[in-house]
Amino acid sequence: MHLKVTGATRRPLFRGVTFELDDDDGPSVLTVMGPSGSGKTTLVKCLAGLEPFDAGMIALDGKTMVEWGMANWRAHVLYVPQRPPLLRMTGLEFWKQVTQEFASQRARSAEHGDPIEVADAWDIGHHLWHRPLAQLSGGEAQRIMLAIGVALNPAVLLLDEPTSALDATSTQRVEDTLRTRSCIWITHSKEQAARVGACALDLAACRVDAGPAALVDVEVPPSDTSE
């Protein structure tokens, strides 16, 4: 998998965002940082094909969104929002709906895994999959949606503060799993960025009134470090 973003511009939020995510040598995690309003969520929505952008090019394995087709693109480059939708359906029903939609559109990234098995490692009991998502706590719903994203096996996961509703123990468990996937990961925490990503994109440097985009290396501490 090779995701390349060149000169992506969304006025008036950011300009000249350029980076590559390459998993030839194993899963790669790029963290996206910046102050509120700098365009972090807008950027990942542009990457997911959910928001338009004014200029630039986004390609996966050398093919643009148009060449992939939007259904296939979204199966390969999968966005998981910060706040799960307050759905009346259960997590299991949502999983079945998503996989059926992918099947009907002949869109899939790879063989699907088992989201319940993924969530087992995050202390999500099987009974929670049978409750409406709207009735779960924020942390429970967040972990179920993340487990669905992981089990869909996309080439790239686009994560918008995926541990924002979790305590320190749950955060570490989720990080341990997500580090095994290629991700573009929004976080406000420099400590988390250092734990999960070898490189960070600073959107504060991509503002329309600032200079070119800044990619900075971050030191990765031992994996057992917790917040």
C-alpha atoms as a PDB file:
ATOM      1  CA  MET A   1       0.000   0.000   0.000  1.00  0.00           C
ATOM      2  CA  HIS A   2       1.252   3.449  -0.867  1.00  0.00           C
ATOM      3  CA  LEU A   3      -0.834   6.553  -0.113  1.00  0.00           C
ATOM      4  CA  LYS A   4       0.474   9.789  -1.581  1.00  0.00           C
ATOM      5  CA  VAL A   5      -0.897  13.276  -0.953  1.00  0.00           C
ATOM      6  CA  THR A   6       0.597  16.134  -2.953  1.00  0.00           C
ATOM      7  CA  GLY A   7      -0.195  19.798  -2.482  1.00  0.00           C
ATOM      8  CA  ALA A   8      -3.681  19.249  -1.080  1.00  0.00           C
ATOM      9  CA  THR A   9      -5.328  22.617  -0.488  1.00  0.00           C
ATOM     10  CA  ARG A  10      -8.615  23.476   1.171  1.00  0.00           C
ATOM     11  CA  ARG A  11      -9.168  27.214   1.368  1.00  0.00           C
ATOM     12  CA  PRO A  12      -9.237  28.871   3.822  1.00  0.00           C
ATOM     13  CA  LEU A  13      -7.991  26.111   6.135  1.00  0.00           C
ATOM     14  CA  PHE A  14      -4.750  24.658   4.779  1.00  0.00           C
ATOM     15  CA  ARG A  15      -2.505  24.561   1.753  1.00  0.00           C
ATOM     16  CA  GLY A  16       0.334  22.508   0.380  1.00  0.00           C
ATOM     17  CA  VAL A  17      -0.233  19.409   2.523  1.00  0.00           C
ATOM     18  CA  THR A  18       2.187  16.826   1.128  1.00  0.00           C
ATOM     19  CA  PHE A  19       3.076  13.424   2.575  1.00  0.00           C
ATOM     20  CA  GLU A  20       3.382   9.721   1.768  1.00  0.00           C
ATOM     21  CA  LEU A  21       2.303   6.719   3.823  1.00  0.00           C
ATOM     22  CA  ASP A  22       4.094   3.542   2.784  1.00  0.00           C
ATOM     23  CA  ASP A  23       3.643   0.147   4.458  1.00  0.00           C
ATOM     24  CA  ASP A  24       6.138  -1.819   2.363  1.00  0.00           C
ATOM     25  CA  ASP A  25       8.204  -2.366   5.513  1.00  0.00           C
ATOM     26  CA  GLY A  26       5.218  -2.855   7.819  1.00  0.00           C
ATOM     27  CA  PRO A  27       2.292  -0.785   9.098  1.00  0.00           C
ATOM     28  CA  SER A  28       2.888   2.959   9.112  1.00  0.00           C
ATOM     29  CA  VAL A  29       1.207   5.523  11.367  1.00  0.00           C
ATOM     30  CA  LEU A  30       1.159   9.248  10.624  1.00  0.00           C
ATOM     31  CA  THR A  31      -0.224  11.448  13.379  1.00  0.00           C
ATOM     32  CA  VAL A  32      -1.913  14.748  12.534  1.00  0.00           C
ATOM     33  CA  MET A  33      -1.653  17.545  15.057  1.00  0.00           C
ATOM     34  CA  GLY A  34      -2.602  21.192  15.237  1.00  0.00           C
ATOM     35  CA  PRO A  35      -4.754  23.617  17.214  1.00  0.00           C
ATOM     36  CA  SER A  36      -8.537  23.555  17.096  1.00  0.00           C
ATOM     37  CA  GLY A  37      -9.770  24.950  13.803  1.00  0.00           C
ATOM     38  CA  SER A  38      -6.580  24.106  11.904  1.00  0.00           C
ATOM     39  CA  GLY A  39      -8.424  21.654   9.652  1.00  0.00           C
ATOM     40  CA  LYS A  40      -7.471  18.240  11.035  1.00  0.00           C
ATOM     41  CA  THR A  41     -10.913  16.671  10.663  1.00  0.00           C
ATOM     42  CA  THR A  42     -11.445  18.404   7.324  1.00  0.00           C
ATOM     43  CA  LEU A  43      -8.152  16.943   6.077  1.00  0.00           C
ATOM     44  CA  VAL A  44      -9.048  13.343   6.910  1.00  0.00           C
ATOM     45  CA  LYS A  45     -12.521  13.836   5.430  1.00  0.00           C
ATOM     46  CA  CYS A  46     -10.840  15.047   2.223  1.00  0.00           C
ATOM     47  CA  LEU A  47      -8.695  11.906   2.264  1.00  0.00           C
ATOM     48  CA  ALA A  48     -11.836   9.793   2.735  1.00  0.00           C
ATOM     49  CA  GLY A  49     -13.611  11.464  -0.169  1.00  0.00           C
ATOM     50  CA  LEU A  50     -16.193  12.984   2.172  1.00  0.00           C
ATOM     51  CA  GLU A  51     -15.129  16.618   1.627  1.00  0.00           C
ATOM     52  CA  PRO A  52     -13.988  18.323  -1.601  1.00  0.00           C
ATOM     53  CA  PHE A  53     -10.587  19.989  -1.834  1.00  0.00           C
ATOM     54  CA  ASP A  54      -9.552  22.853  -4.090  1.00  0.00           C
ATOM     55  CA  ALA A  55      -6.253  21.586  -5.475  1.00  0.00           C
ATOM     56  CA  GLY A  56      -3.723  18.797  -5.213  1.00  0.00           C
ATOM     57  CA  MET A  57      -3.749  15.040  -5.698  1.00  0.00           C
ATOM     58  CA  ILE A  58      -4.537  12.081  -3.433  1.00  0.00           C
ATOM     59  CA  ALA A  59      -3.649   8.600  -4.680  1.00  0.00           C
ATOM     60  CA  LEU A  60      -3.538   5.068  -3.303  1.00  0.00           C
ATOM     61  CA  ASP A  61      -1.119   2.697  -5.011  1.00  0.00           C
ATOM     62  CA  GLY A  62      -0.812   5.191  -7.863  1.00  0.00           C
ATOM     63  CA  LYS A  63      -4.568   5.497  -8.510  1.00  0.00           C
ATOM     64  CA  THR A  64      -6.709   8.518  -7.656  1.00  0.00           C
ATOM     65  CA  MET A  65     -10.155   8.430  -6.050  1.00  0.00           C
ATOM     66  CA  VAL A  66     -11.778   8.725  -9.466  1.00  0.00           C
ATOM     67  CA  GLU A  67      -9.749   5.818 -10.831  1.00  0.00           C
ATOM     68  CA  TRP A  68     -10.617   3.652  -7.838  1.00  0.00           C
ATOM     69  CA  GLY A  69     -14.286   4.636  -7.856  1.00  0.00           C
ATOM     70  CA  MET A  70     -15.679   6.225  -4.708  1.00  0.00           C
ATOM     71  CA  ALA A  71     -17.156   3.043  -3.199  1.00  0.00           C
ATOM     72  CA  ASN A  72     -13.863   1.183  -3.581  1.00  0.00           C
ATOM     73  CA  TRP A  73     -11.868   4.171  -2.336  1.00  0.00           C
ATOM     74  CA  ARG A  74     -13.921   4.403   0.839  1.00  0.00           C
ATOM     75  CA  ALA A  75     -13.511   0.669   1.434  1.00  0.00           C
ATOM     76  CA  HIS A  76      -9.730   1.020   1.160  1.00  0.00           C
ATOM     77  CA  VAL A  77      -9.331   4.401   2.897  1.00  0.00           C
ATOM     78  CA  LEU A  78     -11.769   4.171   5.801  1.00  0.00           C
ATOM     79  CA  TYR A  79     -12.796   7.063   8.047  1.00  0.00           C
ATOM     80  CA  VAL A  80     -13.776   6.441  11.679  1.00  0.00           C
ATOM     81  CA  PRO A  81     -15.244   9.629  13.221  1.00  0.00           C
ATOM     82  CA  GLN A  82     -14.435  10.869  16.706  1.00  0.00           C
ATOM     83  CA  ARG A  83     -18.047  10.662  17.863  1.00  0.00           C
ATOM     84  CA  PRO A  84     -19.917   7.535  16.755  1.00  0.00           C
ATOM     85  CA  PRO A  85     -23.359   8.247  15.308  1.00  0.00           C
ATOM     86  CA  LEU A  86     -26.196   7.857  17.802  1.00  0.00           C
ATOM     87  CA  LEU A  87     -27.849   4.996  15.978  1.00  0.00           C
ATOM     88  CA  ARG A  88     -30.855   3.003  17.112  1.00  0.00           C
ATOM     89  CA  MET A  89     -29.315  -0.092  15.567  1.00  0.00           C
ATOM     90  CA  THR A  90     -26.918  -2.283  17.490  1.00  0.00           C
ATOM     91  CA  GLY A  91     -23.226  -2.551  16.756  1.00  0.00           C
ATOM     92  CA  LEU A  92     -23.794  -5.989  15.243  1.00  0.00           C
ATOM     93  CA  GLU A  93     -26.589  -4.665  13.012  1.00  0.00           C
ATOM     94  CA  PHE A  94     -24.361  -1.788  11.892  1.00  0.00           C
ATOM     95  CA  TRP A  95     -21.550  -4.218  11.050  1.00  0.00           C
ATOM     96  CA  LYS A  96     -23.913  -6.324   8.942  1.00  0.00           C
ATOM     97  CA  GLN A  97     -25.229  -3.222   7.163  1.00  0.00           C
ATOM     98  CA  VAL A  98     -21.744  -1.972   6.274  1.00  0.00           C
ATOM     99  CA  THR A  99     -20.529  -5.336   4.991  1.00  0.00           C
ATOM    100  CA  GLN A 100     -23.721  -5.797   2.952  1.00  0.00           C
ATOM    101  CA  GLU A 101     -23.276  -2.350   1.397  1.00  0.00           C
ATOM    102  CA  PHE A 102     -19.676  -3.139   0.500  1.00  0.00           C
ATOM    103  CA  ALA A 103     -20.770  -6.449  -1.017  1.00  0.00           C
ATOM    104  CA  SER A 104     -23.543  -4.825  -3.069  1.00  0.00           C
ATOM    105  CA  GLN A 105     -21.070  -2.263  -4.420  1.00  0.00           C
ATOM    106  CA  ARG A 106     -18.382  -4.914  -4.900  1.00  0.00           C
ATOM    107  CA  ALA A 107     -16.148  -2.760  -2.754  1.00  0.00           C
ATOM    108  CA  ARG A 108     -13.719  -4.291  -0.306  1.00  0.00           C
ATOM    109  CA  SER A 109     -10.128  -3.796   0.731  1.00  0.00           C
ATOM    110  CA  ALA A 110      -9.371  -7.348   1.935  1.00  0.00           C
ATOM    111  CA  GLU A 111     -11.036 -10.271   3.658  1.00  0.00           C
ATOM    112  CA  HIS A 112     -13.036  -9.037   6.619  1.00  0.00           C
ATOM    113  CA  GLY A 113     -12.097  -9.960  10.150  1.00  0.00           C
ATOM    114  CA  ASP A 114     -14.322 -10.404  13.194  1.00  0.00           C
ATOM    115  CA  PRO A 115     -15.102  -7.114  14.996  1.00  0.00           C
ATOM    116  CA  ILE A 116     -16.269  -8.935  18.124  1.00  0.00           C
ATOM    117  CA  GLU A 117     -12.892 -10.659  18.355  1.00  0.00           C
ATOM    118  CA  VAL A 118     -11.116  -7.315  17.890  1.00  0.00           C
ATOM    119  CA  ALA A 119     -13.202  -5.727  20.647  1.00  0.00           C
ATOM    120  CA  ASP A 120     -12.617  -8.650  23.029  1.00  0.00           C
ATOM    121  CA  ALA A 121      -9.078  -7.351  23.521  1.00  0.00           C
ATOM    122  CA  TRP A 122     -10.544  -3.976  24.488  1.00  0.00           C
ATOM    123  CA  ASP A 123     -12.842  -5.296  27.225  1.00  0.00           C
ATOM    124  CA  ILE A 124     -16.044  -4.997  25.178  1.00  0.00           C
ATOM    125  CA  GLY A 125     -18.363  -7.824  26.216  1.00  0.00           C
ATOM    126  CA  HIS A 126     -20.382  -9.676  23.589  1.00  0.00           C
ATOM    127  CA  HIS A 127     -23.640  -8.427  25.123  1.00  0.00           C
ATOM    128  CA  LEU A 128     -22.761  -4.839  24.203  1.00  0.00           C
ATOM    129  CA  TRP A 129     -22.951  -5.728  20.502  1.00  0.00           C
ATOM    130  CA  HIS A 130     -26.668  -6.394  20.966  1.00  0.00           C
ATOM    131  CA  ARG A 131     -27.479  -3.009  22.500  1.00  0.00           C
ATOM    132  CA  PRO A 132     -28.401   0.061  20.402  1.00  0.00           C
ATOM    133  CA  LEU A 133     -25.315   2.205  19.902  1.00  0.00           C
ATOM    134  CA  ALA A 134     -27.221   5.210  21.257  1.00  0.00           C
ATOM    135  CA  GLN A 135     -27.600   3.421  24.609  1.00  0.00           C
ATOM    136  CA  LEU A 136     -23.892   2.717  25.084  1.00  0.00           C
ATOM    137  CA  SER A 137     -21.420   4.924  26.908  1.00  0.00           C
ATOM    138  CA  GLY A 138     -19.171   7.105  24.780  1.00  0.00           C
ATOM    139  CA  GLY A 139     -16.193   4.821  25.360  1.00  0.00           C
ATOM    140  CA  GLU A 140     -18.137   1.646  24.578  1.00  0.00           C
ATOM    141  CA  ALA A 141     -19.552   3.055  21.339  1.00  0.00           C
ATOM    142  CA  GLN A 142     -16.150   4.405  20.329  1.00  0.00           C
ATOM    143  CA  ARG A 143     -14.480   1.018  20.784  1.00  0.00           C
ATOM    144  CA  ILE A 144     -17.232  -0.806  18.872  1.00  0.00           C
ATOM    145  CA  MET A 145     -16.922   1.575  15.909  1.00  0.00           C
ATOM    146  CA  LEU A 146     -13.133   1.239  15.981  1.00  0.00           C
ATOM    147  CA  ALA A 147     -13.422  -2.559  16.097  1.00  0.00           C
ATOM    148  CA  ILE A 148     -15.668  -2.447  13.029  1.00  0.00           C
ATOM    149  CA  GLY A 149     -13.127  -0.251  11.251  1.00  0.00           C
ATOM    150  CA  VAL A 150     -10.253  -2.599  12.091  1.00  0.00           C
ATOM    151  CA  ALA A 151     -12.241  -5.714  11.093  1.00  0.00           C
ATOM    152  CA  LEU A 152     -13.050  -4.233   7.676  1.00  0.00           C
ATOM    153  CA  ASN A 153      -9.305  -4.441   6.925  1.00  0.00           C
ATOM    154  CA  PRO A 154      -8.902  -1.212   4.937  1.00  0.00           C
ATOM    155  CA  ALA A 155      -5.538  -0.283   3.481  1.00  0.00           C
ATOM    156  CA  VAL A 156      -5.580   2.892   5.585  1.00  0.00           C
ATOM    157  CA  LEU A 157      -7.601   3.805   8.666  1.00  0.00           C
ATOM    158  CA  LEU A 158      -8.406   7.507   9.068  1.00  0.00           C
ATOM    159  CA  LEU A 159      -8.848   8.056  12.804  1.00  0.00           C
ATOM    160  CA  ASP A 160     -10.239  11.227  14.382  1.00  0.00           C
ATOM    161  CA  GLU A 161      -9.078  11.199  18.016  1.00  0.00           C
ATOM    162  CA  PRO A 162      -9.900   7.492  18.377  1.00  0.00           C
ATOM    163  CA  THR A 163      -9.240   7.332  22.128  1.00  0.00           C
ATOM    164  CA  SER A 164     -10.878  10.622  23.177  1.00  0.00           C
ATOM    165  CA  ALA A 165     -13.572   8.870  25.264  1.00  0.00           C
ATOM    166  CA  LEU A 166     -11.300   6.204  26.777  1.00  0.00           C
ATOM    167  CA  ASP A 167      -9.477   5.893  30.070  1.00  0.00           C
ATOM    168  CA  ALA A 168      -5.738   5.260  30.216  1.00  0.00           C
ATOM    169  CA  THR A 169      -6.024   1.457  30.336  1.00  0.00           C
ATOM    170  CA  SER A 170      -8.429   1.246  27.396  1.00  0.00           C
ATOM    171  CA  THR A 171      -6.347   3.792  25.480  1.00  0.00           C
ATOM    172  CA  GLN A 172      -3.247   1.609  25.762  1.00  0.00           C
ATOM    173  CA  ARG A 173      -5.114  -1.507  24.612  1.00  0.00           C
ATOM    174  CA  VAL A 174      -6.574   0.296  21.599  1.00  0.00           C
ATOM    175  CA  GLU A 175      -3.203   1.844  20.731  1.00  0.00           C
ATOM    176  CA  ASP A 176      -1.565  -1.587  20.840  1.00  0.00           C
ATOM    177  CA  THR A 177      -4.015  -2.843  18.206  1.00  0.00           C
ATOM    178  CA  LEU A 178      -4.059   0.236  15.992  1.00  0.00           C
ATOM    179  CA  ARG A 179      -0.257   0.369  15.828  1.00  0.00           C
ATOM    180  CA  THR A 180      -0.457  -2.875  13.840  1.00  0.00           C
ATOM    181  CA  ARG A 181      -2.438  -1.068  11.094  1.00  0.00           C
ATOM    182  CA  SER A 182      -1.567   1.714   8.685  1.00  0.00           C
ATOM    183  CA  CYS A 183      -3.305   4.802  10.038  1.00  0.00           C
ATOM    184  CA  ILE A 184      -3.583   8.536   9.700  1.00  0.00           C
ATOM    185  CA  TRP A 185      -4.382   9.478  13.270  1.00  0.00           C
ATOM    186  CA  ILE A 186      -5.601  12.823  14.618  1.00  0.00           C
ATOM    187  CA  THR A 187      -4.507  13.521  18.176  1.00  0.00           C
ATOM    188  CA  HIS A 188      -4.124  16.525  20.472  1.00  0.00           C
ATOM    189  CA  SER A 189      -1.652  14.633  22.652  1.00  0.00           C
ATOM    190  CA  LYS A 190       2.064  14.944  21.926  1.00  0.00           C
ATOM    191  CA  GLU A 191       2.623  11.965  24.212  1.00  0.00           C
ATOM    192  CA  GLN A 192       0.240   9.820  22.191  1.00  0.00           C
ATOM    193  CA  ALA A 193       1.806  10.998  18.934  1.00  0.00           C
ATOM    194  CA  ALA A 194       5.183   9.897  20.257  1.00  0.00           C
ATOM    195  CA  ARG A 195       3.846   6.486  21.262  1.00  0.00           C
ATOM    196  CA  VAL A 196       2.008   5.554  18.075  1.00  0.00           C
ATOM    197  CA  GLY A 197       3.575   7.461  15.191  1.00  0.00           C
ATOM    198  CA  ALA A 198       7.093   7.742  13.849  1.00  0.00           C
ATOM    199  CA  CYS A 199       6.117  10.930  12.038  1.00  0.00           C
ATOM    200  CA  ALA A 200       3.690  13.782  12.727  1.00  0.00           C
ATOM    201  CA  LEU A 201       2.070  16.283  10.381  1.00  0.00           C
ATOM    202  CA  ASP A 202       1.723  19.709  11.978  1.00  0.00           C
ATOM    203  CA  LEU A 203      -1.260  21.430  10.372  1.00  0.00           C
ATOM    204  CA  ALA A 204      -0.405  24.685  12.124  1.00  0.00           C
ATOM    205  CA  ALA A 205       2.334  24.982   9.484  1.00  0.00           C
ATOM    206  CA  CYS A 206      -0.160  24.376   6.674  1.00  0.00           C
ATOM    207  CA  ARG A 207      -2.406  27.337   7.377  1.00  0.00           C
ATOM    208  CA  VAL A 208      -3.056  29.641   4.446  1.00  0.00           C
ATOM    209  CA  ASP A 209      -1.175  32.391   6.274  1.00  0.00           C
ATOM    210  CA  ALA A 210       1.789  30.151   7.132  1.00  0.00           C
ATOM    211  CA  GLY A 211       4.649  28.480   5.322  1.00  0.00           C
ATOM    212  CA  PRO A 212       4.788  25.013   3.715  1.00  0.00           C
ATOM    213  CA  ALA A 213       3.604  21.896   5.480  1.00  0.00           C
ATOM    214  CA  ALA A 214       5.812  20.596   8.258  1.00  0.00           C
ATOM    215  CA  LEU A 215       6.506  16.905   8.734  1.00  0.00           C
ATOM    216  CA  VAL A 216       8.451  16.270  11.913  1.00  0.00           C
ATOM    217  CA  ASP A 217       9.941  13.087  13.296  1.00  0.00           C
ATOM    218  CA  VAL A 218       8.782  12.115  16.762  1.00  0.00           C
ATOM    219  CA  GLU A 219      10.614   9.923  19.228  1.00  0.00           C
ATOM    220  CA  VAL A 220       8.863   6.604  19.792  1.00  0.00           C
ATOM    221  CA  PRO A 221       9.184   5.428  23.410  1.00  0.00           C
ATOM    222  CA  PRO A 222       8.787   1.795  24.539  1.00  0.00           C
ATOM    223  CA  SER A 223       5.366   0.341  23.700  1.00  0.00           C
ATOM    224  CA  ASP A 224       4.408  -0.142  27.349  1.00  0.00           C
ATOM    225  CA  THR A 225       4.404   3.611  28.005  1.00  0.00           C
ATOM    226  CA  SER A 226       0.960   4.830  29.081  1.00  0.00           C
ATOM    227  CA  GLU A 227      -0.591   8.257  29.556  1.00  0.00           C
END
